[in-house]
């Protein structure tokens, strides 16, 4: 029983390492998009390696990066995909976007038509 618990704990740690590496690598690539795809992905690879993960895939389109990082070996391998880019008006999950994301009650009130003279 202890072996199963130990193996599950190891899998969770590896998954978190891959997720952290992917998130930070995506942010690094998005931050350096002006260096071109090769420069941004080189920066992402370095950051992923520093977090204990390895970069599997890196694509930079405009100022948005999309990376996949992996951690672990053999049966304990995890791959995680992350995207990063600028936030702003209309970005998913921000106030004013169709998906919402603002605090409750922050939706734009509906306009009422005034009737009568």
PDB file of N, CA and C in Angstrom:
ATOM      1  N   UNK A   1       0.829  -1.192   0.000  1.00  0.00           N
ATOM      2  CA  UNK A   1       0.000   0.000   0.000  1.00  0.00           C
ATOM      3  C   UNK A   1       0.880   1.266   0.000  1.00  0.00           C
ATOM      4  N   UNK A   2       1.952   1.229   0.790  1.00  0.00           N
ATOM      5  CA  UNK A   2       2.843   2.374   0.855  1.00  0.00           C
ATOM      6  C   UNK A   2       3.476   2.659  -0.508  1.00  0.00           C
ATOM      7  N   UNK A   3       3.792   1.614  -1.261  1.00  0.00           N
ATOM      8  CA  UNK A   3       4.386   1.774  -2.587  1.00  0.00           C
ATOM      9  C   UNK A   3       3.451   2.487  -3.550  1.00  0.00           C
ATOM     10  N   UNK A   4       2.162   2.180  -3.469  1.00  0.00           N
ATOM     11  CA  UNK A   4       1.171   2.826  -4.339  1.00  0.00           C
ATOM     12  C   UNK A   4       1.066   4.310  -3.996  1.00  0.00           C
ATOM     13  N   UNK A   5       1.017   4.607  -2.717  1.00  0.00           N
ATOM     14  CA  UNK A   5       0.936   6.005  -2.284  1.00  0.00           C
ATOM     15  C   UNK A   5       2.193   6.766  -2.716  1.00  0.00           C
ATOM     16  N   UNK A   6       3.336   6.137  -2.584  1.00  0.00           N
ATOM     17  CA  UNK A   6       4.593   6.765  -2.997  1.00  0.00           C
ATOM     18  C   UNK A   6       4.613   7.033  -4.506  1.00  0.00           C
ATOM     19  N   UNK A   7       4.134   6.069  -5.285  1.00  0.00           N
ATOM     20  CA  UNK A   7       4.088   6.239  -6.745  1.00  0.00           C
ATOM     21  C   UNK A   7       3.130   7.360  -7.141  1.00  0.00           C
ATOM     22  N   UNK A   8       1.975   7.449  -6.486  1.00  0.00           N
ATOM     23  CA  UNK A   8       1.026   8.525  -6.790  1.00  0.00           C
ATOM     24  C   UNK A   8       1.611   9.890  -6.427  1.00  0.00           C
ATOM     25  N   UNK A   9       2.301   9.944  -5.307  1.00  0.00           N
ATOM     26  CA  UNK A   9       2.951  11.198  -4.920  1.00  0.00           C
ATOM     27  C   UNK A   9       3.993  11.622  -5.935  1.00  0.00           C
ATOM     28  N   UNK A  10       4.763  10.664  -6.424  1.00  0.00           N
ATOM     29  CA  UNK A  10       5.779  10.948  -7.451  1.00  0.00           C
ATOM     30  C   UNK A  10       5.122  11.471  -8.725  1.00  0.00           C
ATOM     31  N   UNK A  11       4.012  10.862  -9.122  1.00  0.00           N
ATOM     32  CA  UNK A  11       3.306  11.296 -10.333  1.00  0.00           C
ATOM     33  C   UNK A  11       2.786  12.725 -10.188  1.00  0.00           C
ATOM     34  N   UNK A  12       2.286  13.068  -9.014  1.00  0.00           N
ATOM     35  CA  UNK A  12       1.776  14.419  -8.781  1.00  0.00           C
ATOM     36  C   UNK A  12       2.913  15.440  -8.851  1.00  0.00           C
ATOM     37  N   UNK A  13       4.032  15.127  -8.249  1.00  0.00           N
ATOM     38  CA  UNK A  13       5.181  16.039  -8.273  1.00  0.00           C
ATOM     39  C   UNK A  13       5.654  16.265  -9.704  1.00  0.00           C
ATOM     40  N   UNK A  14       5.729  15.200 -10.481  1.00  0.00           N
ATOM     41  CA  UNK A  14       6.167  15.328 -11.879  1.00  0.00           C
ATOM     42  C   UNK A  14       5.175  16.163 -12.681  1.00  0.00           C
ATOM     43  N   UNK A  15       3.894  15.957 -12.452  1.00  0.00           N
ATOM     44  CA  UNK A  15       2.861  16.728 -13.159  1.00  0.00           C
ATOM     45  C   UNK A  15       2.988  18.213 -12.841  1.00  0.00           C
ATOM     46  N   UNK A  16       3.217  18.540 -11.581  1.00  0.00           N
ATOM     47  CA  UNK A  16       3.366  19.941 -11.187  1.00  0.00           C
ATOM     48  C   UNK A  16       4.649  20.547 -11.759  1.00  0.00           C
ATOM     49  N   UNK A  17       5.693  19.765 -11.824  1.00  0.00           N
ATOM     50  CA  UNK A  17       6.947  20.253 -12.412  1.00  0.00           C
ATOM     51  C   UNK A  17       6.742  20.569 -13.895  1.00  0.00           C
ATOM     52  N   UNK A  18       6.041  19.697 -14.607  1.00  0.00           N
ATOM     53  CA  UNK A  18       5.771  19.935 -16.028  1.00  0.00           C
ATOM     54  C   UNK A  18       4.880  21.161 -16.213  1.00  0.00           C
ATOM     55  N   UNK A  19       3.869  21.312 -15.357  1.00  0.00           N
ATOM     56  CA  UNK A  19       2.955  22.454 -15.473  1.00  0.00           C
ATOM     57  C   UNK A  19       3.686  23.763 -15.191  1.00  0.00           C
ATOM     58  N   UNK A  20       4.516  23.784 -14.156  1.00  0.00           N
ATOM     59  CA  UNK A  20       5.277  24.997 -13.851  1.00  0.00           C
ATOM     60  C   UNK A  20       6.239  25.350 -14.962  1.00  0.00           C
ATOM     61  N   UNK A  21       6.904  24.338 -15.498  1.00  0.00           N
ATOM     62  CA  UNK A  21       7.829  24.571 -16.607  1.00  0.00           C
ATOM     63  C   UNK A  21       7.126  25.095 -17.839  1.00  0.00           C
ATOM     64  N   UNK A  22       5.966  24.539 -18.150  1.00  0.00           N
ATOM     65  CA  UNK A  22       5.212  24.985 -19.324  1.00  0.00           C
ATOM     66  C   UNK A  22       4.715  26.413 -19.140  1.00  0.00           C
ATOM     67  N   UNK A  23       4.187  26.720 -17.967  1.00  0.00           N
ATOM     68  CA  UNK A  23       3.679  28.069 -17.719  1.00  0.00           C
ATOM     69  C   UNK A  23       4.789  29.118 -17.829  1.00  0.00           C
ATOM     70  N   UNK A  24       5.901  28.860 -17.166  1.00  0.00           N
ATOM     71  CA  UNK A  24       6.993  29.835 -17.197  1.00  0.00           C
ATOM     72  C   UNK A  24       7.629  29.945 -18.581  1.00  0.00           C
ATOM     73  N   UNK A  25       7.730  28.823 -19.285  1.00  0.00           N
ATOM     74  CA  UNK A  25       8.293  28.860 -20.640  1.00  0.00           C
ATOM     75  C   UNK A  25       7.385  29.646 -21.581  1.00  0.00           C
ATOM     76  N   UNK A  26       6.076  29.463 -21.451  1.00  0.00           N
ATOM     77  CA  UNK A  26       5.140  30.213 -22.300  1.00  0.00           C
ATOM     78  C   UNK A  26       5.223  31.710 -22.017  1.00  0.00           C
ATOM     79  N   UNK A  27       5.322  32.065 -20.749  1.00  0.00           N
ATOM     80  CA  UNK A  27       5.457  33.480 -20.399  1.00  0.00           C
ATOM     81  C   UNK A  27       6.763  34.062 -20.935  1.00  0.00           C
ATOM     82  N   UNK A  28       7.842  33.300 -20.830  1.00  0.00           N
ATOM     83  CA  UNK A  28       9.134  33.779 -21.336  1.00  0.00           C
ATOM     84  C   UNK A  28       9.092  33.975 -22.844  1.00  0.00           C
ATOM     85  N   UNK A  29       8.509  33.031 -23.557  1.00  0.00           N
ATOM     86  CA  UNK A  29       8.423  33.152 -25.016  1.00  0.00           C
ATOM     87  C   UNK A  29       7.553  34.338 -25.412  1.00  0.00           C
ATOM     88  N   UNK A  30       6.427  34.521 -24.717  1.00  0.00           N
ATOM     89  CA  UNK A  30       5.541  35.641 -25.036  1.00  0.00           C
ATOM     90  C   UNK A  30       6.212  36.974 -24.727  1.00  0.00           C
ATOM     91  N   UNK A  31       7.043  36.996 -23.704  1.00  0.00           N
ATOM     92  CA  UNK A  31       7.736  38.219 -23.328  1.00  0.00           C
ATOM     93  C   UNK A  31       8.823  38.593 -24.327  1.00  0.00           C
ATOM     94  N   UNK A  32       9.353  37.605 -25.058  1.00  0.00           N
ATOM     95  CA  UNK A  32      10.445  37.847 -25.999  1.00  0.00           C
ATOM     96  C   UNK A  32      10.033  37.602 -27.449  1.00  0.00           C
ATOM     97  N   UNK A  33       8.766  37.805 -27.756  1.00  0.00           N
ATOM     98  CA  UNK A  33       8.275  37.553 -29.114  1.00  0.00           C
ATOM     99  C   UNK A  33       8.929  38.471 -30.140  1.00  0.00           C
ATOM    100  N   UNK A  34       9.417  39.628 -29.707  1.00  0.00           N
ATOM    101  CA  UNK A  34      10.047  40.554 -30.654  1.00  0.00           C
ATOM    102  C   UNK A  34      11.371  40.020 -31.188  1.00  0.00           C
ATOM    103  N   UNK A  35      11.949  39.012 -30.517  1.00  0.00           N
ATOM    104  CA  UNK A  35      13.199  38.406 -30.979  1.00  0.00           C
ATOM    105  C   UNK A  35      12.956  37.375 -32.075  1.00  0.00           C
ATOM    106  N   UNK A  36      11.725  37.178 -32.446  1.00  0.00           N
ATOM    107  CA  UNK A  36      11.384  36.176 -33.444  1.00  0.00           C
ATOM    108  C   UNK A  36      11.117  34.840 -32.774  1.00  0.00           C
ATOM    109  N   UNK A  37      10.566  33.939 -33.547  1.00  0.00           N
ATOM    110  CA  UNK A  37      10.186  32.636 -33.011  1.00  0.00           C
ATOM    111  C   UNK A  37      11.388  31.871 -32.466  1.00  0.00           C
ATOM    112  N   UNK A  38      12.504  31.899 -33.179  1.00  0.00           N
ATOM    113  CA  UNK A  38      13.691  31.148 -32.741  1.00  0.00           C
ATOM    114  C   UNK A  38      14.229  31.698 -31.417  1.00  0.00           C
ATOM    115  N   UNK A  39      14.328  32.999 -31.299  1.00  0.00           N
ATOM    116  CA  UNK A  39      14.838  33.607 -30.070  1.00  0.00           C
ATOM    117  C   UNK A  39      13.903  33.401 -28.896  1.00  0.00           C
ATOM    118  N   UNK A  40      12.605  33.554 -29.145  1.00  0.00           N
ATOM    119  CA  UNK A  40      11.620  33.369 -28.079  1.00  0.00           C
ATOM    120  C   UNK A  40      11.597  31.921 -27.607  1.00  0.00           C
ATOM    121  N   UNK A  41      11.685  30.985 -28.533  1.00  0.00           N
ATOM    122  CA  UNK A  41      11.660  29.565 -28.158  1.00  0.00           C
ATOM    123  C   UNK A  41      12.958  29.145 -27.478  1.00  0.00           C
ATOM    124  N   UNK A  42      14.079  29.757 -27.846  1.00  0.00           N
ATOM    125  CA  UNK A  42      15.344  29.474 -27.153  1.00  0.00           C
ATOM    126  C   UNK A  42      15.239  29.921 -25.698  1.00  0.00           C
ATOM    127  N   UNK A  43      14.633  31.076 -25.481  1.00  0.00           N
ATOM    128  CA  UNK A  43      14.443  31.567 -24.107  1.00  0.00           C
ATOM    129  C   UNK A  43      13.507  30.631 -23.344  1.00  0.00           C
ATOM    130  N   UNK A  44      12.436  30.188 -24.000  1.00  0.00           N
ATOM    131  CA  UNK A  44      11.491  29.270 -23.361  1.00  0.00           C
ATOM    132  C   UNK A  44      12.157  27.946 -22.992  1.00  0.00           C
ATOM    133  N   UNK A  45      13.026  27.452 -23.877  1.00  0.00           N
ATOM    134  CA  UNK A  45      13.721  26.188 -23.607  1.00  0.00           C
ATOM    135  C   UNK A  45      14.638  26.319 -22.394  1.00  0.00           C
ATOM    136  N   UNK A  46      15.330  27.434 -22.303  1.00  0.00           N
ATOM    137  CA  UNK A  46      16.230  27.649 -21.170  1.00  0.00           C
ATOM    138  C   UNK A  46      15.454  27.716 -19.851  1.00  0.00           C
ATOM    139  N   UNK A  47      14.324  28.400 -19.871  1.00  0.00           N
ATOM    140  CA  UNK A  47      13.505  28.520 -18.663  1.00  0.00           C
ATOM    141  C   UNK A  47      12.931  27.160 -18.270  1.00  0.00           C
ATOM    142  N   UNK A  48      12.454  26.393 -19.250  1.00  0.00           N
ATOM    143  CA  UNK A  48      11.905  25.069 -18.954  1.00  0.00           C
ATOM    144  C   UNK A  48      12.969  24.177 -18.314  1.00  0.00           C
ATOM    145  N   UNK A  49      14.178  24.205 -18.837  1.00  0.00           N
ATOM    146  CA  UNK A  49      15.257  23.384 -18.288  1.00  0.00           C
ATOM    147  C   UNK A  49      15.612  23.814 -16.866  1.00  0.00           C
ATOM    148  N   UNK A  50      15.561  25.112 -16.608  1.00  0.00           N
ATOM    149  CA  UNK A  50      15.870  25.605 -15.261  1.00  0.00           C
ATOM    150  C   UNK A  50      14.827  25.169 -14.242  1.00  0.00           C
ATOM    151  N   UNK A  51      13.613  24.867 -14.683  1.00  0.00           N
ATOM    152  CA  UNK A  51      12.553  24.421 -13.769  1.00  0.00           C
ATOM    153  C   UNK A  51      12.486  22.908 -13.659  1.00  0.00           C
ATOM    154  N   UNK A  52      13.358  22.203 -14.350  1.00  0.00           N
ATOM    155  CA  UNK A  52      13.360  20.751 -14.269  1.00  0.00           C
ATOM    156  C   UNK A  52      12.487  20.075 -15.297  1.00  0.00           C
ATOM    157  N   UNK A  53      12.069  20.818 -16.300  1.00  0.00           N
ATOM    158  CA  UNK A  53      11.243  20.266 -17.383  1.00  0.00           C
ATOM    159  C   UNK A  53      12.036  20.367 -18.683  1.00  0.00           C
ATOM    160  N   UNK A  54      11.485  19.813 -19.737  1.00  0.00           N
ATOM    161  CA  UNK A  54      12.120  19.950 -21.052  1.00  0.00           C
ATOM    162  C   UNK A  54      11.058  20.419 -22.045  1.00  0.00           C
ATOM    163  N   UNK A  55      11.466  21.284 -22.934  1.00  0.00           N
ATOM    164  CA  UNK A  55      10.552  21.840 -23.928  1.00  0.00           C
ATOM    165  C   UNK A  55      10.326  20.822 -25.034  1.00  0.00           C
ATOM    166  N   UNK A  56       9.067  20.493 -25.276  1.00  0.00           N
ATOM    167  CA  UNK A  56       8.712  19.526 -26.313  1.00  0.00           C
ATOM    168  C   UNK A  56       8.297  20.245 -27.587  1.00  0.00           C
ATOM    169  N   UNK A  57       7.575  21.357 -27.437  1.00  0.00           N
ATOM    170  CA  UNK A  57       7.035  22.078 -28.586  1.00  0.00           C
ATOM    171  C   UNK A  57       6.969  23.550 -28.240  1.00  0.00           C
ATOM    172  N   UNK A  58       7.271  24.403 -29.218  1.00  0.00           N
ATOM    173  CA  UNK A  58       7.176  25.847 -29.022  1.00  0.00           C
ATOM    174  C   UNK A  58       6.758  26.492 -30.334  1.00  0.00           C
ATOM    175  N   UNK A  59       5.675  27.250 -30.287  1.00  0.00           N
ATOM    176  CA  UNK A  59       5.193  27.983 -31.457  1.00  0.00           C
ATOM    177  C   UNK A  59       4.876  29.402 -30.999  1.00  0.00           C
ATOM    178  N   UNK A  60       5.393  30.377 -31.738  1.00  0.00           N
ATOM    179  CA  UNK A  60       5.109  31.776 -31.438  1.00  0.00           C
ATOM    180  C   UNK A  60       4.468  32.372 -32.670  1.00  0.00           C
ATOM    181  N   UNK A  61       3.242  32.844 -32.509  1.00  0.00           N
ATOM    182  CA  UNK A  61       2.511  33.501 -33.594  1.00  0.00           C
ATOM    183  C   UNK A  61       2.168  34.897 -33.113  1.00  0.00           C
ATOM    184  N   UNK A  62       2.787  35.873 -33.740  1.00  0.00           N
ATOM    185  CA  UNK A  62       2.587  37.249 -33.282  1.00  0.00           C
ATOM    186  C   UNK A  62       3.172  37.386 -31.892  1.00  0.00           C
ATOM    187  N   UNK A  63       2.362  37.856 -30.946  1.00  0.00           N
ATOM    188  CA  UNK A  63       2.828  37.998 -29.568  1.00  0.00           C
ATOM    189  C   UNK A  63       2.238  36.942 -28.642  1.00  0.00           C
ATOM    190  N   UNK A  64       1.737  35.853 -29.219  1.00  0.00           N
ATOM    191  CA  UNK A  64       1.169  34.751 -28.440  1.00  0.00           C
ATOM    192  C   UNK A  64       2.057  33.522 -28.584  1.00  0.00           C
ATOM    193  N   UNK A  65       2.411  32.927 -27.446  1.00  0.00           N
ATOM    194  CA  UNK A  65       3.232  31.721 -27.472  1.00  0.00           C
ATOM    195  C   UNK A  65       2.409  30.519 -27.041  1.00  0.00           C
ATOM    196  N   UNK A  66       2.718  29.376 -27.605  1.00  0.00           N
ATOM    197  CA  UNK A  66       2.051  28.114 -27.290  1.00  0.00           C
ATOM    198  C   UNK A  66       3.150  27.070 -27.125  1.00  0.00           C
ATOM    199  N   UNK A  67       3.350  26.586 -25.900  1.00  0.00           N
ATOM    200  CA  UNK A  67       4.430  25.643 -25.639  1.00  0.00           C
ATOM    201  C   UNK A  67       3.908  24.387 -24.956  1.00  0.00           C
ATOM    202  N   UNK A  68       4.657  23.317 -25.112  1.00  0.00           N
ATOM    203  CA  UNK A  68       4.402  22.074 -24.387  1.00  0.00           C
ATOM    204  C   UNK A  68       5.703  21.691 -23.706  1.00  0.00           C
ATOM    205  N   UNK A  69       5.607  21.391 -22.415  1.00  0.00           N
ATOM    206  CA  UNK A  69       6.770  20.972 -21.646  1.00  0.00           C
ATOM    207  C   UNK A  69       6.489  19.616 -21.025  1.00  0.00           C
ATOM    208  N   UNK A  70       7.542  18.828 -20.831  1.00  0.00           N
ATOM    209  CA  UNK A  70       7.417  17.502 -20.236  1.00  0.00           C
ATOM    210  C   UNK A  70       8.383  17.387 -19.072  1.00  0.00           C
ATOM    211  N   UNK A  71       8.027  16.520 -18.139  1.00  0.00           N
ATOM    212  CA  UNK A  71       8.899  16.225 -17.004  1.00  0.00           C
ATOM    213  C   UNK A  71       8.767  14.749 -16.689  1.00  0.00           C
ATOM    214  N   UNK A  72       9.790  14.184 -16.076  1.00  0.00           N
ATOM    215  CA  UNK A  72       9.765  12.780 -15.696  1.00  0.00           C
ATOM    216  C   UNK A  72      10.299  11.884 -16.795  1.00  0.00           C
ATOM    217  N   UNK A  73      10.380  10.604 -16.477  1.00  0.00           N
ATOM    218  CA  UNK A  73      10.875   9.595 -17.417  1.00  0.00           C
ATOM    219  C   UNK A  73      10.028   8.333 -17.302  1.00  0.00           C
ATOM    220  N   UNK A  74      10.019   7.569 -18.366  1.00  0.00           N
ATOM    221  CA  UNK A  74       9.337   6.274 -18.358  1.00  0.00           C
ATOM    222  C   UNK A  74       7.856   6.392 -18.056  1.00  0.00           C
ATOM    223  N   UNK A  75       7.352   5.544 -17.164  1.00  0.00           N
ATOM    224  CA  UNK A  75       5.911   5.571 -16.883  1.00  0.00           C
ATOM    225  C   UNK A  75       5.486   6.831 -16.130  1.00  0.00           C
ATOM    226  N   UNK A  76       6.453   7.523 -15.540  1.00  0.00           N
ATOM    227  CA  UNK A  76       6.150   8.750 -14.813  1.00  0.00           C
ATOM    228  C   UNK A  76       6.530   9.964 -15.642  1.00  0.00           C
ATOM    229  N   UNK A  77       5.909  10.109 -16.796  1.00  0.00           N
ATOM    230  CA  UNK A  77       6.140  11.245 -17.674  1.00  0.00           C
ATOM    231  C   UNK A  77       4.849  12.041 -17.795  1.00  0.00           C
ATOM    232  N   UNK A  78       4.968  13.344 -17.707  1.00  0.00           N
ATOM    233  CA  UNK A  78       3.804  14.221 -17.859  1.00  0.00           C
ATOM    234  C   UNK A  78       4.138  15.297 -18.875  1.00  0.00           C
ATOM    235  N   UNK A  79       3.202  15.580 -19.780  1.00  0.00           N
ATOM    236  CA  UNK A  79       3.311  16.678 -20.735  1.00  0.00           C
ATOM    237  C   UNK A  79       2.189  17.658 -20.476  1.00  0.00           C
ATOM    238  N   UNK A  80       2.530  18.933 -20.459  1.00  0.00           N
ATOM    239  CA  UNK A  80       1.548  19.980 -20.198  1.00  0.00           C
ATOM    240  C   UNK A  80       1.706  21.071 -21.247  1.00  0.00           C
ATOM    241  N   UNK A  81       0.589  21.560 -21.756  1.00  0.00           N
ATOM    242  CA  UNK A  81       0.583  22.634 -22.753  1.00  0.00           C
ATOM    243  C   UNK A  81       0.170  23.939 -22.070  1.00  0.00           C
ATOM    244  N   UNK A  82       0.817  25.029 -22.453  1.00  0.00           N
ATOM    245  CA  UNK A  82       0.481  26.344 -21.904  1.00  0.00           C
ATOM    246  C   UNK A  82       0.563  27.384 -23.006  1.00  0.00           C
ATOM    247  N   UNK A  83      -0.286  28.393 -22.892  1.00  0.00           N
ATOM    248  CA  UNK A  83      -0.283  29.523 -23.833  1.00  0.00           C
ATOM    249  C   UNK A  83      -0.134  30.802 -23.044  1.00  0.00           C
ATOM    250  N   UNK A  84       0.502  31.788 -23.660  1.00  0.00           N
ATOM    251  CA  UNK A  84       0.650  33.095 -23.032  1.00  0.00           C
ATOM    252  C   UNK A  84       0.650  34.168 -24.108  1.00  0.00           C
ATOM    253  N   UNK A  85       0.134  35.299 -23.748  1.00  0.00           N
ATOM    254  CA  UNK A  85       0.087  36.437 -24.654  1.00  0.00           C
ATOM    255  C   UNK A  85      -0.432  37.632 -23.901  1.00  0.00           C
ATOM    256  N   UNK A  86      -0.599  38.716 -24.581  1.00  0.00           N
ATOM    257  CA  UNK A  86      -1.043  39.930 -23.896  1.00  0.00           C
ATOM    258  C   UNK A  86      -2.491  39.826 -23.466  1.00  0.00           C
ATOM    259  N   UNK A  87      -2.775  40.382 -22.336  1.00  0.00           N
ATOM    260  CA  UNK A  87      -4.157  40.519 -21.897  1.00  0.00           C
ATOM    261  C   UNK A  87      -4.609  41.911 -22.263  1.00  0.00           C
ATOM    262  N   UNK A  88      -5.857  42.129 -22.266  1.00  0.00           N
ATOM    263  CA  UNK A  88      -6.355  43.454 -22.573  1.00  0.00           C
ATOM    264  C   UNK A  88      -7.835  43.398 -22.828  1.00  0.00           C
ATOM    265  N   UNK A  89      -8.419  44.501 -23.200  1.00  0.00           N
ATOM    266  CA  UNK A  89      -9.847  44.516 -23.468  1.00  0.00           C
ATOM    267  C   UNK A  89     -10.212  43.486 -24.527  1.00  0.00           C
ATOM    268  N   UNK A  90     -11.185  42.684 -24.226  1.00  0.00           N
ATOM    269  CA  UNK A  90     -11.648  41.676 -25.168  1.00  0.00           C
ATOM    270  C   UNK A  90     -10.921  40.354 -25.048  1.00  0.00           C
ATOM    271  N   UNK A  91      -9.871  40.282 -24.213  1.00  0.00           N
ATOM    272  CA  UNK A  91      -9.169  39.011 -24.019  1.00  0.00           C
ATOM    273  C   UNK A  91     -10.040  38.094 -23.188  1.00  0.00           C
ATOM    274  N   UNK A  92      -9.962  36.809 -23.437  1.00  0.00           N
ATOM    275  CA  UNK A  92     -10.795  35.841 -22.730  1.00  0.00           C
ATOM    276  C   UNK A  92     -10.585  35.955 -21.232  1.00  0.00           C
ATOM    277  N   UNK A  93     -11.676  36.006 -20.494  1.00  0.00           N
ATOM    278  CA  UNK A  93     -11.599  36.028 -19.039  1.00  0.00           C
ATOM    279  C   UNK A  93     -11.399  37.401 -18.446  1.00  0.00           C
ATOM    280  N   UNK A  94     -11.447  38.458 -19.253  1.00  0.00           N
ATOM    281  CA  UNK A  94     -11.301  39.801 -18.708  1.00  0.00           C
ATOM    282  C   UNK A  94     -12.636  40.506 -18.768  1.00  0.00           C
ATOM    283  N   UNK A  95     -12.863  41.478 -17.885  1.00  0.00           N
ATOM    284  CA  UNK A  95     -14.117  42.212 -17.921  1.00  0.00           C
ATOM    285  C   UNK A  95     -14.329  42.847 -19.288  1.00  0.00           C
ATOM    286  N   UNK A  96     -15.535  42.775 -19.761  1.00  0.00           N
ATOM    287  CA  UNK A  96     -15.859  43.350 -21.056  1.00  0.00           C
ATOM    288  C   UNK A  96     -15.779  42.351 -22.184  1.00  0.00           C
ATOM    289  N   UNK A  97     -15.259  41.156 -21.931  1.00  0.00           N
ATOM    290  CA  UNK A  97     -15.196  40.144 -22.981  1.00  0.00           C
ATOM    291  C   UNK A  97     -16.460  39.307 -22.944  1.00  0.00           C
ATOM    292  N   UNK A  98     -16.788  38.624 -24.028  1.00  0.00           N
ATOM    293  CA  UNK A  98     -17.986  37.794 -24.043  1.00  0.00           C
ATOM    294  C   UNK A  98     -17.961  36.693 -22.990  1.00  0.00           C
ATOM    295  N   UNK A  99     -16.749  36.218 -22.603  1.00  0.00           N
ATOM    296  CA  UNK A  99     -16.666  35.167 -21.612  1.00  0.00           C
ATOM    297  C   UNK A  99     -16.820  35.698 -20.201  1.00  0.00           C
ATOM    298  N   UNK A 100     -16.790  37.022 -20.031  1.00  0.00           N
ATOM    299  CA  UNK A 100     -16.906  37.589 -18.705  1.00  0.00           C
ATOM    300  C   UNK A 100     -15.594  37.524 -17.970  1.00  0.00           C
ATOM    301  N   UNK A 101     -15.669  37.233 -16.705  1.00  0.00           N
ATOM    302  CA  UNK A 101     -14.461  37.125 -15.928  1.00  0.00           C
ATOM    303  C   UNK A 101     -14.328  38.213 -14.888  1.00  0.00           C
ATOM    304  N   UNK A 102     -15.193  39.204 -14.939  1.00  0.00           N
ATOM    305  CA  UNK A 102     -15.145  40.255 -13.942  1.00  0.00           C
ATOM    306  C   UNK A 102     -15.827  39.810 -12.667  1.00  0.00           C
ATOM    307  N   UNK A 103     -15.842  40.673 -11.671  1.00  0.00           N
ATOM    308  CA  UNK A 103     -16.481  40.314 -10.419  1.00  0.00           C
ATOM    309  C   UNK A 103     -17.985  40.167 -10.604  1.00  0.00           C
ATOM    310  N   UNK A 104     -18.648  39.376  -9.750  1.00  0.00           N
ATOM    311  CA  UNK A 104     -20.096  39.203  -9.882  1.00  0.00           C
ATOM    312  C   UNK A 104     -20.801  40.547  -9.841  1.00  0.00           C
ATOM    313  N   UNK A 105     -21.774  40.690 -10.693  1.00  0.00           N
ATOM    314  CA  UNK A 105     -22.540  41.922 -10.750  1.00  0.00           C
ATOM    315  C   UNK A 105     -21.906  42.991 -11.609  1.00  0.00           C
ATOM    316  N   UNK A 106     -20.799  42.690 -12.275  1.00  0.00           N
ATOM    317  CA  UNK A 106     -20.124  43.703 -13.086  1.00  0.00           C
ATOM    318  C   UNK A 106     -20.613  43.705 -14.527  1.00  0.00           C
ATOM    319  N   UNK A 107     -21.588  42.863 -14.812  1.00  0.00           N
ATOM    320  CA  UNK A 107     -22.103  42.820 -16.180  1.00  0.00           C
ATOM    321  C   UNK A 107     -22.726  44.167 -16.523  1.00  0.00           C
ATOM    322  N   UNK A 108     -22.680  44.514 -17.789  1.00  0.00           N
ATOM    323  CA  UNK A 108     -23.249  45.778 -18.226  1.00  0.00           C
ATOM    324  C   UNK A 108     -24.767  45.712 -18.085  1.00  0.00           C
ATOM    325  N   UNK A 109     -25.371  46.688 -17.412  1.00  0.00           N
ATOM    326  CA  UNK A 109     -26.825  46.641 -17.242  1.00  0.00           C
ATOM    327  C   UNK A 109     -27.527  46.800 -18.583  1.00  0.00           C
ATOM    328  N   UNK A 110     -28.666  46.155 -18.689  1.00  0.00           N
ATOM    329  CA  UNK A 110     -29.438  46.260 -19.925  1.00  0.00           C
ATOM    330  C   UNK A 110     -30.078  47.631 -19.984  1.00  0.00           C
ATOM    331  N   UNK A 111     -30.126  48.192 -21.178  1.00  0.00           N
ATOM    332  CA  UNK A 111     -30.743  49.508 -21.349  1.00  0.00           C
ATOM    333  C   UNK A 111     -32.257  49.327 -21.374  1.00  0.00           C
ATOM    334  N   UNK A 112     -32.933  50.207 -20.669  1.00  0.00           N
ATOM    335  CA  UNK A 112     -34.390  50.141 -20.636  1.00  0.00           C
ATOM    336  C   UNK A 112     -34.959  51.222 -21.543  1.00  0.00           C
ATOM    337  N   UNK A 113     -36.001  50.827 -22.239  1.00  0.00           N
ATOM    338  CA  UNK A 113     -36.641  51.787 -23.125  1.00  0.00           C
ATOM    339  C   UNK A 113     -37.653  52.568 -22.306  1.00  0.00           C
ATOM    340  N   UNK A 114     -37.584  53.839 -22.478  1.00  0.00           N
ATOM    341  CA  UNK A 114     -38.505  54.705 -21.755  1.00  0.00           C
ATOM    342  C   UNK A 114     -39.776  54.856 -22.573  1.00  0.00           C
ATOM    343  N   UNK A 115     -40.880  54.602 -21.910  1.00  0.00           N
ATOM    344  CA  UNK A 115     -42.168  54.713 -22.614  1.00  0.00           C
ATOM    345  C   UNK A 115     -42.916  55.942 -22.102  1.00  0.00           C
ATOM    346  N   UNK A 116     -43.724  56.482 -22.946  1.00  0.00           N
ATOM    347  CA  UNK A 116     -44.525  57.637 -22.566  1.00  0.00           C
ATOM    348  C   UNK A 116     -43.957  58.909 -23.130  1.00  0.00           C
ATOM    349  N   UNK A 117     -44.634  60.049 -22.828  1.00  0.00           N
ATOM    350  CA  UNK A 117     -44.186  61.326 -23.386  1.00  0.00           C
ATOM    351  C   UNK A 117     -42.911  61.845 -22.839  1.00  0.00           C
TER     352      UNK A 117
END
